[in-house]
PDB file of N, CA and C in Angstrom:
ATOM      1  N   MET A   1      59.432 -25.464  39.466  1.00  0.00           N
ATOM      2  CA  MET A   1      60.381 -25.976  39.774  1.00  0.00           C
ATOM      3  C   MET A   1      60.613 -24.358  41.253  1.00  0.00           C
ATOM      4  N   ASN A   2      60.513 -24.157  42.391  1.00  0.00           N
ATOM      5  CA  ASN A   2      60.875 -23.192  42.699  1.00  0.00           C
ATOM      6  C   ASN A   2      62.483 -23.417  43.022  1.00  0.00           C
ATOM      7  N   LYS A   3      62.910 -22.015  42.533  1.00  0.00           N
ATOM      8  CA  LYS A   3      64.602 -22.170  43.516  1.00  0.00           C
ATOM      9  C   LYS A   3      65.064 -21.583  44.472  1.00  0.00           C
ATOM     10  N   ASN A   4      65.689 -21.642  45.299  1.00  0.00           N
ATOM     11  CA  ASN A   4      65.851 -20.590  46.710  1.00  0.00           C
ATOM     12  C   ASN A   4      67.055 -19.588  46.092  1.00  0.00           C
ATOM     13  N   SER A   5      67.013 -18.625  46.749  1.00  0.00           N
ATOM     14  CA  SER A   5      68.153 -17.265  45.951  1.00  0.00           C
ATOM     15  C   SER A   5      69.698 -17.993  45.751  1.00  0.00           C
ATOM     16  N   THR A   6      70.247 -18.659  47.085  1.00  0.00           N
ATOM     17  CA  THR A   6      71.275 -19.202  46.726  1.00  0.00           C
ATOM     18  C   THR A   6      71.643 -20.470  45.417  1.00  0.00           C
ATOM     19  N   GLU A   7      70.660 -21.316  45.594  1.00  0.00           N
ATOM     20  CA  GLU A   7      70.634 -21.549  43.780  1.00  0.00           C
ATOM     21  C   GLU A   7      70.411 -21.207  42.762  1.00  0.00           C
ATOM     22  N   LEU A   8      69.779 -19.551  43.038  1.00  0.00           N
ATOM     23  CA  LEU A   8      69.882 -19.247  41.553  1.00  0.00           C
ATOM     24  C   LEU A   8      71.161 -18.423  41.307  1.00  0.00           C
ATOM     25  N   LEU A   9      71.705 -17.533  42.481  1.00  0.00           N
ATOM     26  CA  LEU A   9      72.599 -16.916  42.252  1.00  0.00           C
ATOM     27  C   LEU A   9      73.798 -18.112  42.082  1.00  0.00           C
ATOM     28  N   ALA A  10      73.928 -19.892  42.288  1.00  0.00           N
ATOM     29  CA  ALA A  10      74.923 -20.144  42.191  1.00  0.00           C
ATOM     30  C   ALA A  10      75.206 -20.862  39.839  1.00  0.00           C
ATOM     31  N   GLU A  11      73.305 -20.684  39.844  1.00  0.00           N
ATOM     32  CA  GLU A  11      73.291 -20.968  39.022  1.00  0.00           C
ATOM     33  C   GLU A  11      73.419 -19.856  37.491  1.00  0.00           C
ATOM     34  N   MET A  12      72.764 -18.419  37.995  1.00  0.00           N
ATOM     35  CA  MET A  12      73.827 -17.484  37.297  1.00  0.00           C
ATOM     36  C   MET A  12      75.486 -18.199  36.702  1.00  0.00           C
ATOM     37  N   GLU A  13      76.094 -17.452  37.967  1.00  0.00           N
ATOM     38  CA  GLU A  13      76.959 -17.891  38.147  1.00  0.00           C
ATOM     39  C   GLU A  13      78.185 -18.575  37.180  1.00  0.00           C
ATOM     40  N   ARG A  14      77.126 -19.739  36.832  1.00  0.00           N
ATOM     41  CA  ARG A  14      77.404 -20.981  36.234  1.00  0.00           C
ATOM     42  C   ARG A  14      77.071 -20.479  34.954  1.00  0.00           C
ATOM     43  N   VAL A  15      76.122 -19.870  35.054  1.00  0.00           N
ATOM     44  CA  VAL A  15      75.625 -19.542  33.218  1.00  0.00           C
ATOM     45  C   VAL A  15      76.684 -18.366  32.468  1.00  0.00           C
ATOM     46  N   PHE A  16      77.170 -17.448  33.691  1.00  0.00           N
ATOM     47  CA  PHE A  16      78.218 -16.148  33.001  1.00  0.00           C
ATOM     48  C   PHE A  16      79.262 -17.096  33.102  1.00  0.00           C
ATOM     49  N   GLU A  17      80.259 -18.251  33.612  1.00  0.00           N
ATOM     50  CA  GLU A  17      80.992 -18.491  33.633  1.00  0.00           C
ATOM     51  C   GLU A  17      81.208 -19.548  31.754  1.00  0.00           C
ATOM     52  N   SER A  18      79.439 -19.944  31.482  1.00  0.00           N
ATOM     53  CA  SER A  18      79.787 -21.027  30.268  1.00  0.00           C
ATOM     54  C   SER A  18      78.994 -19.613  28.991  1.00  0.00           C
ATOM     55  N   GLY A  19      78.602 -19.026  29.197  1.00  0.00           N
ATOM     56  CA  GLY A  19      78.162 -18.267  28.356  1.00  0.00           C
ATOM     57  C   GLY A  19      78.048 -16.662  28.068  1.00  0.00           C
ATOM     58  N   GLY A  20      78.653 -16.101  29.220  1.00  0.00           N
ATOM     59  CA  GLY A  20      79.031 -15.057  29.503  1.00  0.00           C
ATOM     60  C   GLY A  20      78.293 -13.818  29.433  1.00  0.00           C
ATOM     61  N   ASP A  21      78.305 -12.829  28.880  1.00  0.00           N
ATOM     62  CA  ASP A  21      77.072 -11.059  29.521  1.00  0.00           C
ATOM     63  C   ASP A  21      76.223 -11.299  28.619  1.00  0.00           C
ATOM     64  N   LYS A  22      75.743 -11.649  27.261  1.00  0.00           N
ATOM     65  CA  LYS A  22      74.672 -12.358  26.728  1.00  0.00           C
ATOM     66  C   LYS A  22      73.940 -13.086  27.745  1.00  0.00           C
ATOM     67  N   ALA A  23      74.715 -14.298  27.900  1.00  0.00           N
ATOM     68  CA  ALA A  23      73.767 -15.418  29.058  1.00  0.00           C
ATOM     69  C   ALA A  23      73.505 -15.203  29.567  1.00  0.00           C
ATOM     70  N   LEU A  24      74.136 -14.489  30.938  1.00  0.00           N
ATOM     71  CA  LEU A  24      73.770 -14.102  31.576  1.00  0.00           C
ATOM     72  C   LEU A  24      72.827 -12.855  31.916  1.00  0.00           C
ATOM     73  N   GLU A  25      72.421 -11.999  30.914  1.00  0.00           N
ATOM     74  CA  GLU A  25      71.444 -11.363  30.302  1.00  0.00           C
ATOM     75  C   GLU A  25      70.038 -12.262  30.182  1.00  0.00           C
ATOM     76  N   GLU A  26      70.089 -12.548  30.137  1.00  0.00           N
ATOM     77  CA  GLU A  26      69.131 -14.043  28.884  1.00  0.00           C
ATOM     78  C   GLU A  26      68.670 -14.896  30.273  1.00  0.00           C
ATOM     79  N   PHE A  27      69.864 -14.997  30.731  1.00  0.00           N
ATOM     80  CA  PHE A  27      69.171 -16.172  33.054  1.00  0.00           C
ATOM     81  C   PHE A  27      68.257 -14.824  33.086  1.00  0.00           C
ATOM     82  N   VAL A  28      69.071 -13.593  33.513  1.00  0.00           N
ATOM     83  CA  VAL A  28      67.840 -12.552  34.507  1.00  0.00           C
ATOM     84  C   VAL A  28      67.010 -12.108  33.988  1.00  0.00           C
ATOM     85  N   ILE A  29      67.000 -11.976  32.783  1.00  0.00           N
ATOM     86  CA  ILE A  29      65.503 -11.458  31.907  1.00  0.00           C
ATOM     87  C   ILE A  29      64.551 -13.031  32.348  1.00  0.00           C
ATOM     88  N   ALA A  30      64.826 -14.165  32.677  1.00  0.00           N
ATOM     89  CA  ALA A  30      63.767 -15.241  31.901  1.00  0.00           C
ATOM     90  C   ALA A  30      63.856 -15.265  33.911  1.00  0.00           C
ATOM     91  N   HIS A  31      64.342 -15.147  34.857  1.00  0.00           N
ATOM     92  CA  HIS A  31      64.171 -15.658  36.077  1.00  0.00           C
ATOM     93  C   HIS A  31      63.523 -14.377  37.145  1.00  0.00           C
ATOM     94  N   PHE A  32      63.850 -12.753  35.797  1.00  0.00           N
ATOM     95  CA  PHE A  32      63.745 -11.878  36.867  1.00  0.00           C
ATOM     96  C   PHE A  32      63.080 -12.060  38.137  1.00  0.00           C
ATOM     97  N   LYS A  33      61.315 -12.630  38.339  1.00  0.00           N
ATOM     98  CA  LYS A  33      60.891 -12.220  39.399  1.00  0.00           C
ATOM     99  C   LYS A  33      60.643 -13.442  40.587  1.00  0.00           C
ATOM    100  N   GLU A  34      61.918 -14.123  40.593  1.00  0.00           N
ATOM    101  CA  GLU A  34      62.490 -15.519  41.473  1.00  0.00           C
ATOM    102  C   GLU A  34      63.656 -14.354  41.851  1.00  0.00           C
ATOM    103  N   LEU A  35      64.614 -13.796  41.134  1.00  0.00           N
ATOM    104  CA  LEU A  35      65.630 -13.696  42.437  1.00  0.00           C
ATOM    105  C   LEU A  35      65.099 -12.520  43.325  1.00  0.00           C
ATOM    106  N   PRO A  36      66.477 -12.124  44.610  1.00  0.00           N
ATOM    107  CA  PRO A  36      66.017 -11.733  45.449  1.00  0.00           C
ATOM    108  C   PRO A  36      65.977 -10.032  45.022  1.00  0.00           C
ATOM    109  N   VAL A  37      65.748  -9.790  45.898  1.00  0.00           N
ATOM    110  CA  VAL A  37      65.320  -7.889  45.312  1.00  0.00           C
ATOM    111  C   VAL A  37      66.644  -7.412  45.491  1.00  0.00           C
ATOM    112  N   GLN A  38      67.750  -7.516  45.698  1.00  0.00           N
ATOM    113  CA  GLN A  38      68.543  -6.642  45.599  1.00  0.00           C
ATOM    114  C   GLN A  38      69.796  -6.812  44.338  1.00  0.00           C
ATOM    115  N   VAL A  39      69.241  -8.117  43.925  1.00  0.00           N
ATOM    116  CA  VAL A  39      69.894  -8.563  42.418  1.00  0.00           C
ATOM    117  C   VAL A  39      69.233  -8.282  41.292  1.00  0.00           C
ATOM    118  N   GLN A  40      67.789  -7.837  41.616  1.00  0.00           N
ATOM    119  CA  GLN A  40      66.501  -7.313  40.669  1.00  0.00           C
ATOM    120  C   GLN A  40      67.528  -5.840  40.808  1.00  0.00           C
ATOM    121  N   LYS A  41      67.474  -5.056  41.725  1.00  0.00           N
ATOM    122  CA  LYS A  41      67.848  -3.671  41.845  1.00  0.00           C
ATOM    123  C   LYS A  41      69.323  -3.337  40.466  1.00  0.00           C
ATOM    124  N   GLN A  42      70.501  -4.629  40.883  1.00  0.00           N
ATOM    125  CA  GLN A  42      71.961  -4.351  40.338  1.00  0.00           C
ATOM    126  C   GLN A  42      71.116  -4.871  39.092  1.00  0.00           C
ATOM    127  N   ALA A  43      70.180  -5.531  38.819  1.00  0.00           N
ATOM    128  CA  ALA A  43      69.723  -5.596  37.246  1.00  0.00           C
ATOM    129  C   ALA A  43      69.720  -5.204  36.297  1.00  0.00           C
ATOM    130  N   LEU A  44      68.828  -4.233  37.591  1.00  0.00           N
ATOM    131  CA  LEU A  44      67.623  -2.801  36.497  1.00  0.00           C
ATOM    132  C   LEU A  44      68.644  -1.916  36.136  1.00  0.00           C
ATOM    133  N   PHE A  45      69.672  -1.412  37.656  1.00  0.00           N
ATOM    134  CA  PHE A  45      70.387  -0.768  36.984  1.00  0.00           C
ATOM    135  C   PHE A  45      71.347  -0.744  36.187  1.00  0.00           C
ATOM    136  N   GLY A  46      72.422  -1.874  35.924  1.00  0.00           N
ATOM    137  CA  GLY A  46      72.726  -2.701  35.222  1.00  0.00           C
ATOM    138  C   GLY A  46      72.024  -2.200  33.442  1.00  0.00           C
ATOM    139  N   PHE A  47      71.500  -2.442  33.140  1.00  0.00           N
ATOM    140  CA  PHE A  47      70.709  -2.283  31.953  1.00  0.00           C
ATOM    141  C   PHE A  47      70.227  -0.728  31.742  1.00  0.00           C
ATOM    142  N   PHE A  48      70.036  -0.013  33.156  1.00  0.00           N
ATOM    143  CA  PHE A  48      69.577   0.813  32.602  1.00  0.00           C
ATOM    144  C   PHE A  48      71.204   1.765  32.016  1.00  0.00           C
ATOM    145  N   SER A  49      72.295   1.502  32.806  1.00  0.00           N
ATOM    146  CA  SER A  49      73.221   1.789  32.926  1.00  0.00           C
ATOM    147  C   SER A  49      73.949   2.122  31.360  1.00  0.00           C
ATOM    148  N   GLU A  50      73.790   0.636  30.467  1.00  0.00           N
ATOM    149  CA  GLU A  50      74.066   0.069  29.199  1.00  0.00           C
ATOM    150  C   GLU A  50      73.207   1.284  28.484  1.00  0.00           C
ATOM    151  N   ALA A  51      71.947   1.326  28.795  1.00  0.00           N
ATOM    152  CA  ALA A  51      70.873   1.570  27.962  1.00  0.00           C
ATOM    153  C   ALA A  51      71.480   3.140  27.740  1.00  0.00           C
ATOM    154  N   LEU A  52      71.330   4.032  28.370  1.00  0.00           N
ATOM    155  CA  LEU A  52      72.692   5.308  28.889  1.00  0.00           C
ATOM    156  C   LEU A  52      73.426   5.151  28.067  1.00  0.00           C
ATOM    157  N   GLU A  53      74.884   4.483  28.548  1.00  0.00           N
ATOM    158  CA  GLU A  53      75.489   4.798  27.611  1.00  0.00           C
ATOM    159  C   GLU A  53      75.460   4.276  25.709  1.00  0.00           C
ATOM    160  N   LYS A  54      75.018   3.374  25.841  1.00  0.00           N
ATOM    161  CA  LYS A  54      74.350   3.426  24.150  1.00  0.00           C
ATOM    162  C   LYS A  54      74.065   4.553  23.669  1.00  0.00           C
ATOM    163  N   GLN A  55      72.942   5.205  24.415  1.00  0.00           N
ATOM    164  CA  GLN A  55      72.096   6.260  24.016  1.00  0.00           C
ATOM    165  C   GLN A  55      73.266   7.059  23.580  1.00  0.00           C
ATOM    166  N   ALA A  56      74.256   7.455  25.099  1.00  0.00           N
ATOM    167  CA  ALA A  56      75.111   8.654  24.479  1.00  0.00           C
ATOM    168  C   ALA A  56      76.197   7.947  23.508  1.00  0.00           C
ATOM    169  N   GLY A  57      76.424   7.051  23.037  1.00  0.00           N
ATOM    170  CA  GLY A  57      76.924   6.263  21.758  1.00  0.00           C
ATOM    171  C   GLY A  57      76.357   6.945  21.201  1.00  0.00           C
ATOM    172  N   ASP A  58      75.711   6.690  20.672  1.00  0.00           N
ATOM    173  CA  ASP A  58      74.228   6.728  19.513  1.00  0.00           C
ATOM    174  C   ASP A  58      74.696   8.665  19.500  1.00  0.00           C
ATOM    175  N   ALA A  59      74.096   8.849  20.093  1.00  0.00           N
ATOM    176  CA  ALA A  59      74.010  10.539  20.397  1.00  0.00           C
ATOM    177  C   ALA A  59      76.050  11.239  19.350  1.00  0.00           C
ATOM    178  N   GLN A  60      76.757  10.655  19.956  1.00  0.00           N
ATOM    179  CA  GLN A  60      78.146  10.963  20.005  1.00  0.00           C
ATOM    180  C   GLN A  60      78.616  10.962  18.288  1.00  0.00           C
ATOM    181  N   ILE A  61      78.041   9.400  18.219  1.00  0.00           N
ATOM    182  CA  ILE A  61      78.054   8.822  16.405  1.00  0.00           C
ATOM    183  C   ILE A  61      77.144   9.917  15.270  1.00  0.00           C
ATOM    184  N   ALA A  62      76.063  10.560  15.602  1.00  0.00           N
ATOM    185  CA  ALA A  62      75.151  11.071  15.118  1.00  0.00           C
ATOM    186  C   ALA A  62      75.797  12.607  14.911  1.00  0.00           C
ATOM    187  N   ASP A  63      77.106  13.157  16.051  1.00  0.00           N
ATOM    188  CA  ASP A  63      77.057  14.441  16.132  1.00  0.00           C
ATOM    189  C   ASP A  63      78.472  14.514  14.771  1.00  0.00           C
ATOM    190  N   ILE A  64      79.379  12.867  15.052  1.00  0.00           N
ATOM    191  CA  ILE A  64      80.418  13.088  13.684  1.00  0.00           C
ATOM    192  C   ILE A  64      79.451  12.533  12.504  1.00  0.00           C
ATOM    193  N   GLN A  65      78.933  12.394  12.380  1.00  0.00           N
ATOM    194  CA  GLN A  65      78.217  12.417  10.783  1.00  0.00           C
ATOM    195  C   GLN A  65      77.494  13.857  10.634  1.00  0.00           C
ATOM    196  N   ARG A  66      76.864  14.310  11.266  1.00  0.00           N
ATOM    197  CA  ARG A  66      76.574  15.810  11.018  1.00  0.00           C
ATOM    198  C   ARG A  66      78.046  16.307  10.980  1.00  0.00           C
ATOM    199  N   GLN A  67      78.609  16.516  11.526  1.00  0.00           N
ATOM    200  CA  GLN A  67      80.167  16.852  11.946  1.00  0.00           C
ATOM    201  C   GLN A  67      80.723  16.910  10.025  1.00  0.00           C
ATOM    202  N   GLY A  68      80.286  15.748   9.231  1.00  0.00           N
ATOM    203  CA  GLY A  68      81.203  14.936   8.480  1.00  0.00           C
ATOM    204  C   GLY A  68      80.908  15.663   7.458  1.00  0.00           C
ATOM    205  N   ILE A  69      79.055  16.091   6.980  1.00  0.00           N
ATOM    206  CA  ILE A  69      78.449  16.436   6.730  1.00  0.00           C
ATOM    207  C   ILE A  69      78.552  17.768   6.171  1.00  0.00           C
ATOM    208  N   ASP A  70      78.372  18.452   7.250  1.00  0.00           N
ATOM    209  CA  ASP A  70      78.779  19.478   7.677  1.00  0.00           C
ATOM    210  C   ASP A  70      79.799  20.272   6.300  1.00  0.00           C
ATOM    211  N   SER A  71      81.281  18.837   6.481  1.00  0.00           N
ATOM    212  CA  SER A  71      82.843  19.458   6.435  1.00  0.00           C
ATOM    213  C   SER A  71      82.617  19.138   4.711  1.00  0.00           C
ATOM    214  N   MET A  72      81.516  17.631   3.931  1.00  0.00           N
ATOM    215  CA  MET A  72      80.980  17.801   2.721  1.00  0.00           C
ATOM    216  C   MET A  72      81.116  19.026   2.202  1.00  0.00           C
ATOM    217  N   LYS A  73      79.941  19.254   2.961  1.00  0.00           N
ATOM    218  CA  LYS A  73      79.266  20.323   2.006  1.00  0.00           C
ATOM    219  C   LYS A  73      80.314  21.610   2.026  1.00  0.00           C
ATOM    220  N   ILE A  74      80.839  22.373   2.948  1.00  0.00           N
ATOM    221  CA  ILE A  74      82.192  23.262   2.493  1.00  0.00           C
ATOM    222  C   ILE A  74      83.200  22.682   1.429  1.00  0.00           C
ATOM    223  N   ILE A  75      83.570  21.590   1.361  1.00  0.00           N
ATOM    224  CA  ILE A  75      84.616  21.317  -0.007  1.00  0.00           C
ATOM    225  C   ILE A  75      83.971  20.940  -0.557  1.00  0.00           C
ATOM    226  N   ALA A  76      82.441  20.439  -0.593  1.00  0.00           N
ATOM    227  CA  ALA A  76      81.600  20.937  -2.439  1.00  0.00           C
ATOM    228  C   ALA A  76      81.276  22.846  -2.669  1.00  0.00           C
ATOM    229  N   SER A  77      81.060  23.711  -1.657  1.00  0.00           N
ATOM    230  CA  SER A  77      80.567  24.176  -2.200  1.00  0.00           C
ATOM    231  C   SER A  77      81.874  24.933  -2.138  1.00  0.00           C
ATOM    232  N   VAL A  78      82.967  25.128  -1.964  1.00  0.00           N
ATOM    233  CA  VAL A  78      84.643  25.281  -2.039  1.00  0.00           C
ATOM    234  C   VAL A  78      85.348  24.445  -3.817  1.00  0.00           C
ATOM    235  N   SER A  79      84.440  23.463  -3.769  1.00  0.00           N
ATOM    236  CA  SER A  79      85.264  22.606  -5.590  1.00  0.00           C
ATOM    237  C   SER A  79      84.024  22.704  -6.199  1.00  0.00           C
ATOM    238  N   GLY A  80      83.003  23.614  -5.779  1.00  0.00           N
ATOM    239  CA  GLY A  80      81.890  24.121  -6.742  1.00  0.00           C
ATOM    240  C   GLY A  80      81.228  22.252  -7.145  1.00  0.00           C
ATOM    241  N   GLN A  81      81.629  21.154  -7.071  1.00  0.00           N
ATOM    242  CA  GLN A  81      80.894  19.908  -6.802  1.00  0.00           C
ATOM    243  C   GLN A  81      79.818  20.137  -5.784  1.00  0.00           C
ATOM    244  N   ARG A  82      78.806  18.633  -6.160  1.00  0.00           N
ATOM    245  CA  ARG A  82      77.487  18.518  -5.600  1.00  0.00           C
ATOM    246  C   ARG A  82      78.053  17.630  -5.086  1.00  0.00           C
ATOM    247  N   VAL A  83      77.939  16.936  -3.131  1.00  0.00           N
ATOM    248  CA  VAL A  83      78.329  16.098  -2.211  1.00  0.00           C
ATOM    249  C   VAL A  83      76.893  15.833  -2.479  1.00  0.00           C
ATOM    250  N   ILE A  84      75.825  16.344  -1.907  1.00  0.00           N
ATOM    251  CA  ILE A  84      74.559  15.342  -1.585  1.00  0.00           C
ATOM    252  C   ILE A  84      73.736  16.343  -2.245  1.00  0.00           C
TER     253      ILE A  84
END
């Protein structure tokens, strides 16, 4: 069944209203080739932005963890206890 752009966009809206972001993401992935080019571009930009934000967040978490380990090593050396 081929849907026109108006039907797809209306269905996307219904999916989002009933299922939220995750349901909309799954719908967009499942129907990507059917979507208008402009919507495809917006979806790709959104997915790319989300991936960059996650990567930046992961890098910040790793940095905080490294700082925590360094602090634990300093405390261990001062107290004479082995931490790691």
